[in-house]
Protein backbone atom coordinates (compact mmCIF):
# COMPACT_ATOMS: atom_id res chain seq x y z
CA UNK A 1 51.64 41.36 15.12
CA UNK A 2 55.26 40.40 15.77
CA UNK A 3 56.57 37.11 17.15
CA UNK A 4 59.72 35.04 17.03
CA UNK A 5 58.23 31.84 15.57
CA UNK A 6 54.98 31.57 13.61
CA UNK A 7 53.65 28.01 13.69
CA UNK A 8 51.20 26.95 10.98
CA UNK A 9 48.95 24.13 12.19
CA UNK A 10 47.46 23.40 15.62
CA UNK A 11 47.64 19.63 15.48
CA UNK A 12 49.87 17.77 17.93
CA UNK A 13 53.09 18.74 16.11
CA UNK A 14 52.34 22.46 16.10
CA UNK A 15 51.01 22.47 19.65
CA UNK A 16 53.98 20.47 20.95
CA UNK A 17 56.44 22.85 19.28
CA UNK A 18 54.57 25.83 20.69
CA UNK A 19 54.73 24.46 24.24
CA UNK A 20 58.41 23.54 24.00
CA UNK A 21 59.31 26.97 22.65
CA UNK A 22 57.21 28.69 25.32
CA UNK A 23 58.92 26.65 28.04
CA UNK A 24 62.24 27.95 26.67
CA UNK A 25 61.11 31.58 26.63
CA UNK A 26 60.70 31.82 22.84
CA UNK A 27 57.60 33.75 21.75
CA UNK A 28 55.32 32.02 19.25
CA UNK A 29 51.91 32.23 17.62
CA UNK A 30 49.96 29.29 16.17
CA UNK A 31 47.70 29.74 13.13
CA UNK A 32 45.20 26.99 12.29
CA UNK A 33 42.76 26.91 9.38
CA UNK A 34 40.28 24.60 11.12
CA UNK A 35 38.32 25.01 14.34
CA UNK A 36 39.57 23.61 17.63
CA UNK A 37 36.69 21.12 17.69
CA UNK A 38 37.61 19.88 14.21
CA UNK A 39 41.24 19.33 15.24
CA UNK A 40 40.11 17.41 18.34
CA UNK A 41 37.74 15.31 16.26
CA UNK A 42 40.52 13.69 14.24
CA UNK A 43 40.88 10.00 15.16
CA UNK A 44 44.52 9.03 14.85
CA UNK A 45 47.28 6.89 16.31
CA UNK A 46 47.70 5.89 19.90
CA UNK A 47 51.19 4.40 20.45
CA UNK A 48 53.81 6.77 21.89
CA UNK A 49 57.55 6.09 21.78
CA UNK A 50 59.72 7.03 24.78
CA UNK A 51 61.06 10.02 22.79
CA UNK A 52 57.54 11.43 22.40
CA UNK A 53 56.80 10.86 26.07
CA UNK A 54 59.97 12.73 27.06
CA UNK A 55 59.02 15.72 24.90
CA UNK A 56 55.55 15.87 26.46
CA UNK A 57 57.25 15.82 29.85
CA UNK A 58 59.64 18.59 28.81
CA UNK A 59 56.78 20.94 27.94
CA UNK A 60 54.69 20.12 31.03
CA UNK A 61 51.89 18.28 29.21
CA UNK A 62 52.44 14.70 30.41
CA UNK A 63 50.49 14.48 33.69
CA UNK A 64 47.26 13.00 32.31
CA UNK A 65 49.19 10.70 29.98
CA UNK A 66 51.11 9.27 32.94
CA UNK A 67 47.85 8.85 34.83
CA UNK A 68 45.66 7.38 32.08
CA UNK A 69 48.12 6.03 29.50
CA UNK A 70 48.77 2.31 29.26
CA UNK A 71 52.43 1.20 29.39
CA UNK A 72 52.95 -1.70 26.97
CA UNK A 73 56.05 -3.83 27.36
CA UNK A 74 55.32 -5.92 24.28
CA UNK A 75 52.92 -6.74 21.46
CA UNK A 76 51.81 -9.82 19.53
CA UNK A 77 52.42 -10.84 15.93
CA UNK A 78 50.03 -13.52 14.67
CA UNK A 79 50.58 -15.62 11.56
CA UNK A 80 49.20 -18.99 10.52
CA UNK A 81 46.86 -18.92 13.51
CA UNK A 82 49.84 -18.80 15.90
CA UNK A 83 50.55 -15.96 18.34
CA UNK A 84 54.11 -14.71 18.92
CA UNK A 85 54.94 -12.07 21.53
CA UNK A 86 57.60 -9.42 20.90
CA UNK A 87 58.90 -8.57 24.38
CA UNK A 88 59.96 -4.94 23.99
CA UNK A 89 61.14 -4.53 27.56
CA UNK A 90 63.32 -7.65 27.55
CA UNK A 91 64.75 -6.98 24.09
CA UNK A 92 65.39 -3.22 24.37
CA UNK A 93 64.93 -2.21 28.02
CA UNK A 94 62.17 0.20 26.93
CA UNK A 95 58.41 0.20 26.42
CA UNK A 96 55.76 2.18 24.54
CA UNK A 97 52.73 3.99 25.96
CA UNK A 98 49.25 3.58 24.52
CA UNK A 99 47.54 6.98 24.69
CA UNK A 100 45.33 8.31 21.91
CA UNK A 101 46.49 11.17 19.70
CA UNK A 102 43.20 12.92 20.42
CA UNK A 103 44.09 12.92 24.11
CA UNK A 104 47.61 14.19 23.38
CA UNK A 105 46.07 17.04 21.39
CA UNK A 106 43.58 17.79 24.17
CA UNK A 107 46.38 17.95 26.76
CA UNK A 108 48.49 20.23 24.58
CA UNK A 109 45.51 22.49 23.88
CA UNK A 110 44.89 22.84 27.61
CA UNK A 111 48.55 23.55 28.28
CA UNK A 112 48.47 26.17 25.52
CA UNK A 113 45.42 27.83 27.01
CA UNK A 114 47.00 27.81 30.48
CA UNK A 115 50.15 29.47 29.10
CA UNK A 116 48.19 32.38 27.60
CA UNK A 117 49.98 32.07 24.26
CA UNK A 118 48.06 33.06 21.15
CA UNK A 119 46.36 30.48 18.90
CA UNK A 120 44.30 31.63 15.92
CA UNK A 121 41.66 29.12 14.83
CA UNK A 122 39.56 29.20 11.63
CA UNK A 123 42.09 31.37 9.82
CA UNK A 124 41.27 31.71 6.12
CA UNK A 125 43.52 32.26 3.08
CA UNK A 126 46.69 31.52 5.05
CA UNK A 127 49.86 32.51 3.18
CA UNK A 128 53.53 32.17 4.12
CA UNK A 129 55.68 34.89 2.55
CA UNK A 130 59.27 36.11 2.21
CA UNK A 131 60.74 33.07 3.95
CA UNK A 132 63.39 32.51 1.30
CA UNK A 133 64.82 35.96 0.63
CA UNK A 134 66.04 37.39 3.90
CA UNK A 135 65.34 37.48 7.60
CA UNK A 136 61.78 38.90 7.58
CA UNK A 137 59.26 36.13 6.84
CA UNK A 138 55.57 36.93 7.17
CA UNK A 139 52.32 35.02 7.62
CA UNK A 140 49.08 36.49 6.31
CA UNK A 141 45.55 35.26 6.96
CA UNK A 142 41.96 36.46 7.09
CA UNK A 143 39.79 36.21 10.16
CA UNK A 144 36.21 37.42 10.08
CA UNK A 145 36.89 38.98 6.69
CA UNK A 146 39.76 41.10 8.02
CA UNK A 147 43.36 40.71 6.81
CA UNK A 148 45.99 40.02 9.49
CA UNK A 149 49.76 39.73 9.24
CA UNK A 150 52.40 38.23 11.53
CA UNK A 151 56.03 39.27 11.17
CA UNK A 152 58.44 36.67 12.54
CA UNK A 153 61.96 35.28 12.52
CA UNK A 154 60.96 31.77 11.45
CA UNK A 155 57.92 29.86 10.16
CA UNK A 156 57.29 26.26 11.26
CA UNK A 157 55.12 24.32 8.81
CA UNK A 158 53.21 21.84 10.96
CA UNK A 159 50.07 21.94 8.80
CA UNK A 160 49.97 18.41 7.45
CA UNK A 161 50.19 16.73 4.06
CA UNK A 162 47.64 19.04 2.40
CA UNK A 163 48.82 22.22 4.13
CA UNK A 164 49.97 25.50 2.63
CA UNK A 165 53.60 25.40 3.81
CA UNK A 166 55.08 22.67 1.64
CA UNK A 167 52.90 23.86 -1.26
CA UNK A 168 54.48 27.33 -0.94
CA UNK A 169 58.02 26.07 -1.55
CA UNK A 170 59.01 26.37 -5.25
CA UNK A 171 58.71 22.97 -6.93
CA UNK A 172 62.30 23.09 -8.15
CA UNK A 173 63.50 23.37 -4.54
CA UNK A 174 61.90 20.09 -3.42
CA UNK A 175 62.35 16.45 -4.29
CA UNK A 176 59.54 14.10 -3.34
CA UNK A 177 59.42 10.31 -2.98
CA UNK A 178 56.13 8.42 -2.78
CA UNK A 179 54.54 5.01 -2.76
CA UNK A 180 50.76 4.61 -2.73
CA UNK A 181 49.50 1.20 -1.60
CA UNK A 182 46.60 -0.62 -3.29
CA UNK A 183 44.76 -1.04 0.03
CA UNK A 184 43.69 0.86 3.14
CA UNK A 185 42.66 0.20 6.72
CA UNK A 186 38.99 0.06 7.62
CA UNK A 187 38.98 1.16 11.26
CA UNK A 188 36.35 1.01 13.98
CA UNK A 189 36.47 2.76 17.36
CA UNK A 190 34.10 1.25 19.93
CA UNK A 191 33.48 1.34 23.66
CA UNK A 192 34.18 -2.35 24.21
CA UNK A 193 36.91 -4.03 26.30
CA UNK A 194 40.13 -4.63 24.33
CA UNK A 195 40.72 -8.12 22.99
CA UNK A 196 44.10 -8.26 24.74
CA UNK A 197 46.09 -6.13 27.17
CA UNK A 198 48.64 -5.60 24.36
CA UNK A 199 48.32 -4.81 20.66
CA UNK A 200 47.87 -7.70 18.26
CA UNK A 201 49.10 -7.52 14.63
CA UNK A 202 47.71 -10.25 12.36
CA UNK A 203 48.95 -11.56 9.03
CA UNK A 204 46.19 -13.62 7.39
CA UNK A 205 45.45 -14.97 3.93
CA UNK A 206 42.36 -12.71 3.83
CA UNK A 207 44.46 -9.65 4.70
CA UNK A 208 46.00 -7.78 7.60
CA UNK A 209 44.21 -6.98 10.89
CA UNK A 210 45.15 -5.00 13.98
CA UNK A 211 43.59 -5.12 17.44
CA UNK A 212 44.48 -1.95 19.32
CA UNK A 213 43.05 0.05 22.20
CA UNK A 214 42.70 3.52 23.69
CA UNK A 215 41.87 2.56 27.28
CA UNK A 216 40.66 -0.38 29.36
CA UNK A 217 37.16 0.19 27.97
CA UNK A 218 37.72 1.60 24.46
CA UNK A 219 39.12 -0.40 21.53
CA UNK A 220 40.36 0.40 18.04
CA UNK A 221 40.24 -2.36 15.40
CA UNK A 222 41.35 -2.42 11.77
CA UNK A 223 41.10 -4.74 8.77
CA UNK A 224 42.88 -4.38 5.43
CA UNK A 225 40.49 -3.55 2.56
CA UNK A 226 41.02 -2.69 -1.14
CA UNK A 227 41.66 1.00 -1.74
CA UNK A 228 38.49 1.10 -3.86
CA UNK A 229 36.25 0.19 -0.88
CA UNK A 230 34.00 2.78 0.74
CA UNK A 231 32.82 2.88 4.35
CA UNK A 232 29.21 2.64 3.22
CA UNK A 233 29.90 -0.81 1.81
CA UNK A 234 30.69 -2.14 5.27
CA UNK A 235 27.92 -2.70 7.78
CA UNK A 236 28.93 -3.00 11.43
CA UNK A 237 28.09 -6.70 11.39
CA UNK A 238 30.20 -7.27 8.27
CA UNK A 239 33.20 -5.58 9.87
CA UNK A 240 33.07 -7.64 13.07
CA UNK A 241 32.58 -10.86 11.12
CA UNK A 242 35.57 -10.13 8.88
CA UNK A 243 37.76 -9.26 11.86
CA UNK A 244 36.86 -12.56 13.55
CA UNK A 245 37.78 -14.51 10.40
CA UNK A 246 41.31 -13.09 10.51
CA UNK A 247 41.98 -13.66 14.22
CA UNK A 248 43.34 -16.84 15.81
CA UNK A 249 40.44 -19.01 16.96
CA UNK A 250 40.92 -18.39 20.68
CA UNK A 251 41.05 -14.63 20.13
CA UNK A 252 37.98 -14.61 17.88
CA UNK A 253 35.98 -16.38 20.60
CA UNK A 254 36.89 -13.68 23.15
CA UNK A 255 36.23 -10.67 20.91
CA UNK A 256 33.59 -8.32 22.33
CA UNK A 257 31.71 -6.37 19.64
CA UNK A 258 29.58 -3.25 19.90
CA UNK A 259 28.24 -0.19 18.11
CA UNK A 260 31.08 1.88 16.61
CA UNK A 261 31.71 5.43 17.79
CA UNK A 262 33.58 6.06 14.54
CA UNK A 263 34.22 4.09 11.37
CA UNK A 264 36.50 5.19 8.54
CA UNK A 265 38.94 3.98 5.89
CA UNK A 266 42.51 5.31 5.98
CA UNK A 267 44.52 5.03 2.74
CA UNK A 268 48.12 3.87 3.05
CA UNK A 269 51.04 5.73 1.50
CA UNK A 270 54.73 6.43 2.03
CA UNK A 271 55.89 9.98 1.24
CA UNK A 272 58.98 12.09 1.89
CA UNK A 273 59.83 15.63 0.78
CA UNK A 274 63.46 16.78 0.78
CA UNK A 275 64.82 19.07 2.11
CA UNK A 276 62.69 19.88 5.15
CA UNK A 277 63.87 23.50 5.17
CA UNK A 278 63.61 26.35 2.69
CA UNK A 279 65.20 29.54 3.98
CA UNK A 280 63.42 30.39 7.22
CA UNK A 281 60.55 27.97 6.63
CA UNK A 282 60.84 24.55 8.30
CA UNK A 283 58.61 21.56 7.61
CA UNK A 284 57.73 19.14 10.39
CA UNK A 285 55.52 16.07 10.66
CA UNK A 286 53.04 15.21 7.94
CA UNK A 287 53.93 18.39 6.03
CA UNK A 288 57.22 16.66 5.20
CA UNK A 289 56.53 12.94 5.36
CA UNK A 290 53.82 10.29 5.62
CA UNK A 291 54.28 6.71 6.78
CA UNK A 292 51.87 3.77 6.66
CA UNK A 293 50.42 3.30 10.15
CA UNK A 294 51.70 -0.28 10.40
CA UNK A 295 54.77 0.61 12.47
CA UNK A 296 53.07 3.31 14.63
CA UNK A 297 55.55 5.96 13.47
CA UNK A 298 53.47 8.92 12.21
CA UNK A 299 52.92 10.91 15.42
CA UNK A 300 56.27 9.81 16.85
CA UNK A 301 58.17 10.93 13.77
CA UNK A 302 56.42 14.31 13.91
CA UNK A 303 57.42 14.62 17.57
CA UNK A 304 61.09 13.88 16.82
CA UNK A 305 61.05 16.56 14.06
CA UNK A 306 59.65 18.99 16.60
CA UNK A 307 62.32 18.00 19.10
CA UNK A 308 65.09 18.73 16.59
CA UNK A 309 63.51 22.06 15.60
CA UNK A 310 63.01 23.12 19.22
CA UNK A 311 66.67 22.42 20.02
CA UNK A 312 67.78 24.23 16.86
CA UNK A 313 65.77 27.36 17.65
CA UNK A 314 66.86 27.45 21.29
CA UNK A 315 70.48 27.29 20.11
CA UNK A 316 69.86 29.97 17.46
CA UNK A 317 68.65 32.48 20.01
CA UNK A 318 71.79 31.73 22.02
CA UNK A 319 73.93 32.55 18.98
CA UNK A 320 74.53 29.04 17.56
CA UNK A 321 73.14 28.58 14.01
CA UNK A 322 74.41 25.03 13.48
CA UNK A 323 71.14 23.41 14.56
CA UNK A 324 69.10 25.55 12.18
CA UNK A 325 71.49 24.87 9.31
CA UNK A 326 71.55 21.14 10.02
CA UNK A 327 67.84 20.68 10.80
CA UNK A 328 66.80 18.99 7.57
CA UNK A 329 69.75 16.60 7.41
CA UNK A 330 69.31 15.54 11.05
CA UNK A 331 65.59 14.93 10.63
CA UNK A 332 65.91 13.03 7.38
CA UNK A 333 68.38 10.54 8.83
CA UNK A 334 65.68 9.46 11.27
CA UNK A 335 62.80 9.93 8.83
CA UNK A 336 64.20 7.48 6.29
CA UNK A 337 64.87 4.84 8.94
CA UNK A 338 61.29 5.15 10.18
CA UNK A 339 60.02 5.07 6.59
CA UNK A 340 62.01 1.88 6.04
CA UNK A 341 60.53 0.19 9.09
CA UNK A 342 56.95 1.17 8.24
CA UNK A 343 57.42 0.09 4.61
CA UNK A 344 58.98 -3.19 5.76
CA UNK A 345 56.26 -3.96 8.31
CA UNK A 346 53.60 -3.12 5.74
CA UNK A 347 55.19 -5.43 3.20
CA UNK A 348 55.61 -8.20 5.76
CA UNK A 349 52.06 -8.28 7.15
CA UNK A 350 49.71 -7.28 4.34
CA UNK A 351 48.35 -9.27 1.43
CA UNK A 352 49.34 -7.68 -1.88
CA UNK A 353 46.98 -8.43 -4.77
CA UNK A 354 49.85 -8.46 -7.27
CA UNK A 355 51.95 -11.00 -5.35
CA UNK A 356 52.55 -14.37 -6.98
CA UNK A 357 52.35 -17.58 -4.92
CA UNK A 358 56.15 -17.53 -4.76
CA UNK A 359 56.19 -14.01 -3.29
CA UNK A 360 53.56 -14.98 -0.73
CA UNK A 361 55.71 -17.93 0.38
CA UNK A 362 58.74 -15.62 0.67
CA UNK A 363 56.70 -13.29 2.87
CA UNK A 364 55.74 -16.20 5.12
CA UNK A 365 59.32 -17.47 5.25
CA UNK A 366 60.77 -14.07 6.19
CA UNK A 367 58.27 -13.58 8.99
CA UNK A 368 58.87 -17.11 10.29
CA UNK A 369 62.64 -16.55 10.27
CA UNK A 370 62.35 -13.29 12.22
CA UNK A 371 60.02 -14.74 14.83
CA UNK A 372 62.21 -17.81 15.38
CA UNK A 373 65.37 -15.71 15.84
CA UNK A 374 66.35 -13.66 18.89
CA UNK A 375 68.18 -11.27 16.58
CA UNK A 376 65.11 -10.97 14.36
CA UNK A 377 62.83 -10.21 17.29
CA UNK A 378 65.32 -7.61 18.53
CA UNK A 379 65.34 -5.85 15.14
CA UNK A 380 61.55 -5.59 15.29
CA UNK A 381 61.58 -4.43 18.91
CA UNK A 382 64.31 -1.81 18.46
CA UNK A 383 62.50 -0.18 15.58
CA UNK A 384 59.08 -0.40 17.21
CA UNK A 385 60.08 1.43 20.41
CA UNK A 386 61.88 4.03 18.30
CA UNK A 387 65.46 4.53 17.22
CA UNK A 388 67.61 7.00 19.19
CA UNK A 389 67.29 10.73 18.50
């Protein structure tokens, strides 16, 4: 098989890139090691920046998001039992859209199917070859026991943190940066009305909490737990009770509980690999970087990578190689700013077991200063809605 761009990974990053390329007349094939049902079953983020919304619009996959998504013009930060609203619209002139990553993936899958472009699911032994020694990269995989090969101009590695693409780059060609946090988020998805019409982030002496939502009838809640905890240790009743302890009193009284649809613990880490290009192999999304979910940057950062790569490839096929050559540097400028915000928000709102009483007081003082200052609120708002591309 021959194509222009071989995309490894059929998550939202790979599917979005495929749709954008197809809309620009660039042939592409997506290869995914998991089944379509498995990809759809991943429970992930649900806050979309305006940049991500515009890319979904550009590839024709935004209709259901505009119909069912929830525009949010602000969110709440709670500390010391007090609630403080960050007015995104007033501070930045922009808003975010709450729409689950599962739904984004579903929309992109449907758009892919409608376009007739090829997607290979349940591919085994995927290998990316010859991407660093010329202009003839190849992708090999097995399907039903039979070996297949795709010849292409470029390979896009959208296959996540544990994928084959970054692992195929020689170790001496990459530099990695990482911080692993000593806690995770215990999350519950339940068909209960949201606590509030906007997201609520909570800093509490017992640990962080987040009250989020997927629709008017489906909610997503999180509490900070030690990284050593296991889901089996937490009964449904124990989770709801702990969440109530961390909420302001008026919010705890209004909380509606119910049987979880899904319950899991997500570890928190910061990770960046540099550069994001090796020859004709490009890394995008979680294949190149991970952020803690505190600042809602993971999916949005993957989308901005895809936007840069799409523009670069469109320009390449018009005879301009500058976008391809500058892809990694352009992405990393935005990646590190998003990493900084997620790291900062994580440090500001979570309880760190190693912190001394002095450090805890400094954390409280910094948050109080930001919330009492128009400039401080604007810094939070500008980063939350997403920095310019």
